[in-house]
Amino acid sequence: MTTENELAFKVASPKKAETAITVFHRIAQAWGVNDSEESKLLGCSVGTDEVMSGDALERISYVFGIYKNLCIIFPNEQQANGWIRRPNKAFDGRPAIDVMIEDPSIVRRYLDAQLI
């Protein structure tokens, strides 16, 4: 079943998709994500038409939510941005970036639960 958020990204205009990619790049830069990780996080090569796909835009929406949650949870930007690289017991000692590359929804749900 497609959620309202997913549907919004699947029918996004090219302008909205371009804006989403720009913000995604800024978040990736703040997190210290390299080009290879960025492509894996998107599920496609950066700069291709695939980025406009619903799947890539859905993954971007998870990244936005992760970023927002980290900004709420941590008192300063350095802690929030560094969290994705630190080993985490919740992910069997793996850093969140590794889990996000596989499935960003896992990290998003974990952080959502921390805010309840």
N, C-alpha and C. Protein backbone atom coordinates (compact mmCIF):
# COMPACT_ATOMS: atom_id res chain seq x y z
N MET A 1 0.83 -1.17 0.00
CA MET A 1 0.00 0.00 0.00
C MET A 1 0.89 1.25 0.00
N THR A 2 0.62 2.17 -0.86
CA THR A 2 1.38 3.40 -0.97
C THR A 2 0.87 4.43 0.01
N THR A 3 1.77 5.01 0.77
CA THR A 3 1.37 6.05 1.71
C THR A 3 1.22 7.36 0.97
N GLU A 4 0.58 8.32 1.62
CA GLU A 4 0.39 9.64 1.02
C GLU A 4 1.74 10.29 0.71
N ASN A 5 2.72 10.14 1.64
CA ASN A 5 4.04 10.72 1.44
C ASN A 5 4.72 10.10 0.22
N GLU A 6 4.65 8.77 0.08
CA GLU A 6 5.25 8.10 -1.05
C GLU A 6 4.60 8.55 -2.35
N LEU A 7 3.28 8.65 -2.35
CA LEU A 7 2.56 9.05 -3.54
C LEU A 7 2.96 10.46 -3.96
N ALA A 8 3.13 11.35 -2.99
CA ALA A 8 3.52 12.72 -3.31
C ALA A 8 4.86 12.75 -4.03
N PHE A 9 5.79 11.91 -3.61
CA PHE A 9 7.09 11.88 -4.27
C PHE A 9 7.02 11.21 -5.63
N LYS A 10 6.15 10.22 -5.80
CA LYS A 10 6.05 9.52 -7.07
C LYS A 10 5.46 10.40 -8.16
N VAL A 11 4.69 11.39 -7.79
CA VAL A 11 4.09 12.28 -8.78
C VAL A 11 4.73 13.67 -8.72
N ALA A 12 5.90 13.75 -8.08
CA ALA A 12 6.56 15.05 -7.94
C ALA A 12 6.97 15.60 -9.29
N SER A 13 6.87 16.90 -9.42
CA SER A 13 7.30 17.56 -10.64
C SER A 13 8.83 17.55 -10.70
N PRO A 14 9.39 17.72 -11.88
CA PRO A 14 10.85 17.77 -11.98
C PRO A 14 11.46 18.87 -11.11
N LYS A 15 10.78 19.99 -10.96
CA LYS A 15 11.28 21.08 -10.12
C LYS A 15 11.33 20.66 -8.65
N LYS A 16 10.29 19.99 -8.18
CA LYS A 16 10.28 19.51 -6.80
C LYS A 16 11.35 18.45 -6.59
N ALA A 17 11.51 17.58 -7.58
CA ALA A 17 12.53 16.54 -7.49
C ALA A 17 13.92 17.17 -7.45
N GLU A 18 14.14 18.19 -8.26
CA GLU A 18 15.43 18.89 -8.28
C GLU A 18 15.71 19.54 -6.92
N THR A 19 14.71 20.14 -6.33
CA THR A 19 14.86 20.75 -5.01
C THR A 19 15.19 19.68 -3.97
N ALA A 20 14.50 18.55 -4.04
CA ALA A 20 14.76 17.45 -3.10
C ALA A 20 16.20 16.97 -3.23
N ILE A 21 16.69 16.84 -4.45
CA ILE A 21 18.08 16.39 -4.67
C ILE A 21 19.06 17.41 -4.10
N THR A 22 18.80 18.69 -4.28
CA THR A 22 19.67 19.74 -3.76
C THR A 22 19.77 19.65 -2.23
N VAL A 23 18.63 19.52 -1.57
CA VAL A 23 18.62 19.41 -0.11
C VAL A 23 19.30 18.12 0.32
N PHE A 24 19.04 17.03 -0.39
CA PHE A 24 19.69 15.75 -0.09
C PHE A 24 21.21 15.90 -0.13
N HIS A 25 21.73 16.57 -1.17
CA HIS A 25 23.18 16.78 -1.28
C HIS A 25 23.72 17.56 -0.08
N ARG A 26 22.98 18.55 0.36
CA ARG A 26 23.43 19.35 1.52
C ARG A 26 23.48 18.51 2.79
N ILE A 27 22.48 17.67 2.98
CA ILE A 27 22.47 16.78 4.14
C ILE A 27 23.63 15.80 4.04
N ALA A 28 23.81 15.20 2.87
CA ALA A 28 24.91 14.25 2.67
C ALA A 28 26.26 14.90 2.96
N GLN A 29 26.41 16.13 2.54
CA GLN A 29 27.66 16.86 2.80
C GLN A 29 27.84 17.09 4.30
N ALA A 30 26.78 17.47 4.99
CA ALA A 30 26.86 17.70 6.44
C ALA A 30 27.23 16.41 7.17
N TRP A 31 26.77 15.28 6.67
CA TRP A 31 27.06 13.98 7.27
C TRP A 31 28.41 13.42 6.85
N GLY A 32 29.07 14.05 5.88
CA GLY A 32 30.35 13.53 5.39
C GLY A 32 30.18 12.30 4.51
N VAL A 33 29.06 12.21 3.82
CA VAL A 33 28.78 11.08 2.95
C VAL A 33 29.54 11.28 1.63
N ASN A 34 30.32 10.27 1.22
CA ASN A 34 31.07 10.39 -0.03
C ASN A 34 30.16 10.06 -1.23
N ASP A 35 30.67 10.27 -2.44
CA ASP A 35 29.86 10.09 -3.65
C ASP A 35 29.33 8.66 -3.78
N SER A 36 30.17 7.69 -3.46
CA SER A 36 29.75 6.29 -3.56
C SER A 36 28.62 6.00 -2.59
N GLU A 37 28.77 6.44 -1.36
CA GLU A 37 27.72 6.24 -0.35
C GLU A 37 26.44 6.98 -0.75
N GLU A 38 26.61 8.16 -1.31
CA GLU A 38 25.45 8.96 -1.71
C GLU A 38 24.64 8.23 -2.78
N SER A 39 25.34 7.66 -3.77
CA SER A 39 24.64 6.91 -4.82
C SER A 39 23.94 5.69 -4.24
N LYS A 40 24.62 4.99 -3.33
CA LYS A 40 24.01 3.82 -2.70
C LYS A 40 22.82 4.21 -1.84
N LEU A 41 22.94 5.34 -1.15
CA LEU A 41 21.85 5.81 -0.31
C LEU A 41 20.62 6.15 -1.15
N LEU A 42 20.85 6.70 -2.34
CA LEU A 42 19.75 7.00 -3.26
C LEU A 42 19.22 5.75 -3.94
N GLY A 43 20.06 4.73 -4.05
CA GLY A 43 19.67 3.53 -4.77
C GLY A 43 19.88 3.68 -6.26
N CYS A 44 20.64 4.68 -6.68
CA CYS A 44 20.93 4.91 -8.09
C CYS A 44 22.12 5.86 -8.20
N SER A 45 22.59 6.05 -9.41
CA SER A 45 23.69 6.97 -9.63
C SER A 45 23.21 8.40 -9.54
N VAL A 46 23.95 9.22 -8.81
CA VAL A 46 23.61 10.63 -8.70
C VAL A 46 23.80 11.27 -10.08
N GLY A 47 22.87 12.11 -10.47
CA GLY A 47 22.98 12.81 -11.74
C GLY A 47 22.29 12.10 -12.88
N THR A 48 21.64 10.97 -12.62
CA THR A 48 20.93 10.28 -13.68
C THR A 48 19.43 10.54 -13.57
N ASP A 49 18.72 10.17 -14.61
CA ASP A 49 17.26 10.31 -14.58
C ASP A 49 16.64 9.41 -13.53
N GLU A 50 17.40 8.37 -13.10
CA GLU A 50 16.88 7.47 -12.07
C GLU A 50 16.57 8.22 -10.78
N VAL A 51 17.30 9.33 -10.53
CA VAL A 51 17.09 10.09 -9.30
C VAL A 51 15.65 10.60 -9.26
N MET A 52 15.06 10.81 -10.40
CA MET A 52 13.69 11.29 -10.45
C MET A 52 12.69 10.17 -10.16
N SER A 53 13.16 8.94 -10.06
CA SER A 53 12.25 7.82 -9.84
C SER A 53 11.60 7.92 -8.47
N GLY A 54 10.45 7.29 -8.35
CA GLY A 54 9.74 7.27 -7.08
C GLY A 54 10.57 6.64 -5.97
N ASP A 55 11.30 5.57 -6.29
CA ASP A 55 12.09 4.90 -5.26
C ASP A 55 13.18 5.81 -4.71
N ALA A 56 13.90 6.50 -5.58
CA ALA A 56 14.96 7.39 -5.11
C ALA A 56 14.38 8.54 -4.30
N LEU A 57 13.30 9.10 -4.76
CA LEU A 57 12.68 10.21 -4.03
C LEU A 57 12.09 9.73 -2.70
N GLU A 58 11.60 8.51 -2.66
CA GLU A 58 11.12 7.96 -1.40
C GLU A 58 12.28 7.81 -0.41
N ARG A 59 13.43 7.33 -0.90
CA ARG A 59 14.61 7.20 -0.05
C ARG A 59 15.05 8.57 0.47
N ILE A 60 14.97 9.57 -0.40
CA ILE A 60 15.31 10.94 0.01
C ILE A 60 14.37 11.40 1.12
N SER A 61 13.10 11.06 1.01
CA SER A 61 12.15 11.48 2.05
C SER A 61 12.52 10.86 3.39
N TYR A 62 13.00 9.63 3.40
CA TYR A 62 13.47 9.02 4.64
C TYR A 62 14.68 9.76 5.19
N VAL A 63 15.60 10.12 4.31
CA VAL A 63 16.79 10.88 4.74
C VAL A 63 16.37 12.20 5.38
N PHE A 64 15.41 12.88 4.78
CA PHE A 64 14.92 14.14 5.36
C PHE A 64 14.39 13.92 6.77
N GLY A 65 13.61 12.86 6.94
CA GLY A 65 13.07 12.56 8.26
C GLY A 65 14.15 12.20 9.27
N ILE A 66 15.14 11.46 8.82
CA ILE A 66 16.27 11.09 9.69
C ILE A 66 17.01 12.35 10.13
N TYR A 67 17.27 13.22 9.18
CA TYR A 67 17.98 14.47 9.49
C TYR A 67 17.19 15.31 10.50
N LYS A 68 15.89 15.43 10.25
CA LYS A 68 15.03 16.21 11.15
C LYS A 68 15.04 15.62 12.56
N ASN A 69 14.89 14.31 12.65
CA ASN A 69 14.87 13.66 13.95
C ASN A 69 16.19 13.84 14.69
N LEU A 70 17.29 13.72 13.98
CA LEU A 70 18.60 13.90 14.62
C LEU A 70 18.76 15.32 15.15
N CYS A 71 18.24 16.29 14.43
CA CYS A 71 18.30 17.68 14.89
C CYS A 71 17.46 17.89 16.15
N ILE A 72 16.40 17.13 16.30
CA ILE A 72 15.55 17.22 17.48
C ILE A 72 16.21 16.50 18.67
N ILE A 73 16.77 15.33 18.41
CA ILE A 73 17.33 14.48 19.47
C ILE A 73 18.61 15.05 20.07
N PHE A 74 19.50 15.55 19.24
CA PHE A 74 20.80 15.99 19.72
C PHE A 74 20.86 17.50 19.91
N PRO A 75 21.53 17.92 20.98
CA PRO A 75 21.57 19.35 21.32
C PRO A 75 22.44 20.20 20.40
N ASN A 76 23.36 19.57 19.66
CA ASN A 76 24.16 20.39 18.75
C ASN A 76 24.36 19.69 17.41
N GLU A 77 24.67 20.48 16.42
CA GLU A 77 24.78 20.02 15.04
C GLU A 77 25.87 18.96 14.87
N GLN A 78 26.98 19.13 15.55
CA GLN A 78 28.10 18.19 15.42
C GLN A 78 27.67 16.79 15.90
N GLN A 79 26.98 16.72 17.03
CA GLN A 79 26.50 15.43 17.52
C GLN A 79 25.49 14.81 16.55
N ALA A 80 24.57 15.62 16.07
CA ALA A 80 23.54 15.13 15.16
C ALA A 80 24.16 14.59 13.88
N ASN A 81 25.09 15.34 13.31
CA ASN A 81 25.70 14.92 12.05
C ASN A 81 26.65 13.75 12.21
N GLY A 82 27.28 13.62 13.37
CA GLY A 82 28.22 12.52 13.60
C GLY A 82 27.55 11.21 13.95
N TRP A 83 26.29 11.25 14.35
CA TRP A 83 25.59 10.05 14.81
C TRP A 83 25.57 8.94 13.77
N ILE A 84 25.42 9.28 12.51
CA ILE A 84 25.27 8.24 11.48
C ILE A 84 26.54 7.41 11.30
N ARG A 85 27.67 7.89 11.77
CA ARG A 85 28.95 7.17 11.61
C ARG A 85 29.34 6.34 12.84
N ARG A 86 28.69 6.60 13.95
CA ARG A 86 29.05 5.90 15.19
C ARG A 86 28.40 4.51 15.24
N PRO A 87 29.14 3.52 15.75
CA PRO A 87 28.52 2.19 15.95
C PRO A 87 27.30 2.33 16.86
N ASN A 88 26.28 1.54 16.56
CA ASN A 88 25.03 1.67 17.30
C ASN A 88 24.53 0.28 17.70
N LYS A 89 24.28 0.09 18.97
CA LYS A 89 23.77 -1.20 19.47
C LYS A 89 22.45 -1.58 18.80
N ALA A 90 21.64 -0.60 18.50
CA ALA A 90 20.34 -0.86 17.88
C ALA A 90 20.48 -1.52 16.51
N PHE A 91 21.64 -1.34 15.89
CA PHE A 91 21.89 -1.90 14.56
C PHE A 91 23.01 -2.95 14.62
N ASP A 92 23.06 -3.69 15.72
CA ASP A 92 24.07 -4.73 15.94
C ASP A 92 25.49 -4.20 15.82
N GLY A 93 25.70 -2.99 16.33
CA GLY A 93 27.03 -2.39 16.33
C GLY A 93 27.42 -1.71 15.02
N ARG A 94 26.55 -1.77 14.04
CA ARG A 94 26.83 -1.12 12.75
C ARG A 94 26.46 0.36 12.83
N PRO A 95 27.17 1.20 12.07
CA PRO A 95 26.76 2.60 12.03
C PRO A 95 25.47 2.75 11.20
N ALA A 96 24.71 3.76 11.52
CA ALA A 96 23.43 3.99 10.85
C ALA A 96 23.58 4.16 9.34
N ILE A 97 24.68 4.75 8.88
CA ILE A 97 24.85 4.95 7.44
C ILE A 97 24.81 3.62 6.69
N ASP A 98 25.39 2.58 7.28
CA ASP A 98 25.38 1.26 6.62
C ASP A 98 23.95 0.72 6.52
N VAL A 99 23.19 0.91 7.56
CA VAL A 99 21.79 0.46 7.56
C VAL A 99 20.97 1.31 6.60
N MET A 100 21.22 2.60 6.59
CA MET A 100 20.49 3.51 5.71
C MET A 100 20.71 3.15 4.24
N ILE A 101 21.91 2.74 3.89
CA ILE A 101 22.20 2.35 2.51
C ILE A 101 21.34 1.15 2.11
N GLU A 102 21.18 0.22 3.05
CA GLU A 102 20.35 -0.96 2.77
C GLU A 102 18.87 -0.61 2.74
N ASP A 103 18.44 0.11 3.78
CA ASP A 103 17.02 0.45 3.89
C ASP A 103 16.86 1.63 4.86
N PRO A 104 16.76 2.85 4.34
CA PRO A 104 16.69 4.02 5.22
C PRO A 104 15.44 4.03 6.11
N SER A 105 14.42 3.28 5.75
CA SER A 105 13.21 3.27 6.57
C SER A 105 13.47 2.66 7.95
N ILE A 106 14.44 1.76 8.05
CA ILE A 106 14.77 1.14 9.34
C ILE A 106 15.28 2.20 10.31
N VAL A 107 16.19 3.03 9.84
CA VAL A 107 16.75 4.08 10.69
C VAL A 107 15.69 5.12 11.00
N ARG A 108 14.88 5.46 10.04
CA ARG A 108 13.81 6.43 10.26
C ARG A 108 12.86 5.95 11.34
N ARG A 109 12.44 4.69 11.25
CA ARG A 109 11.51 4.14 12.25
C ARG A 109 12.17 4.11 13.63
N TYR A 110 13.45 3.76 13.68
CA TYR A 110 14.17 3.73 14.96
C TYR A 110 14.17 5.12 15.59
N LEU A 111 14.51 6.13 14.81
CA LEU A 111 14.56 7.49 15.35
C LEU A 111 13.18 8.02 15.71
N ASP A 112 12.18 7.68 14.90
CA ASP A 112 10.81 8.07 15.23
C ASP A 112 10.43 7.52 16.60
N ALA A 113 10.81 6.27 16.86
CA ALA A 113 10.47 5.65 18.14
C ALA A 113 11.19 6.33 19.30
N GLN A 114 12.37 6.89 19.06
CA GLN A 114 13.11 7.58 20.11
C GLN A 114 12.41 8.88 20.53
N LEU A 115 11.59 9.40 19.66
CA LEU A 115 10.91 10.68 19.93
C LEU A 115 9.55 10.51 20.61
N ILE A 116 9.13 9.29 20.77
CA ILE A 116 7.80 9.04 21.37
C ILE A 116 7.90 9.20 22.88
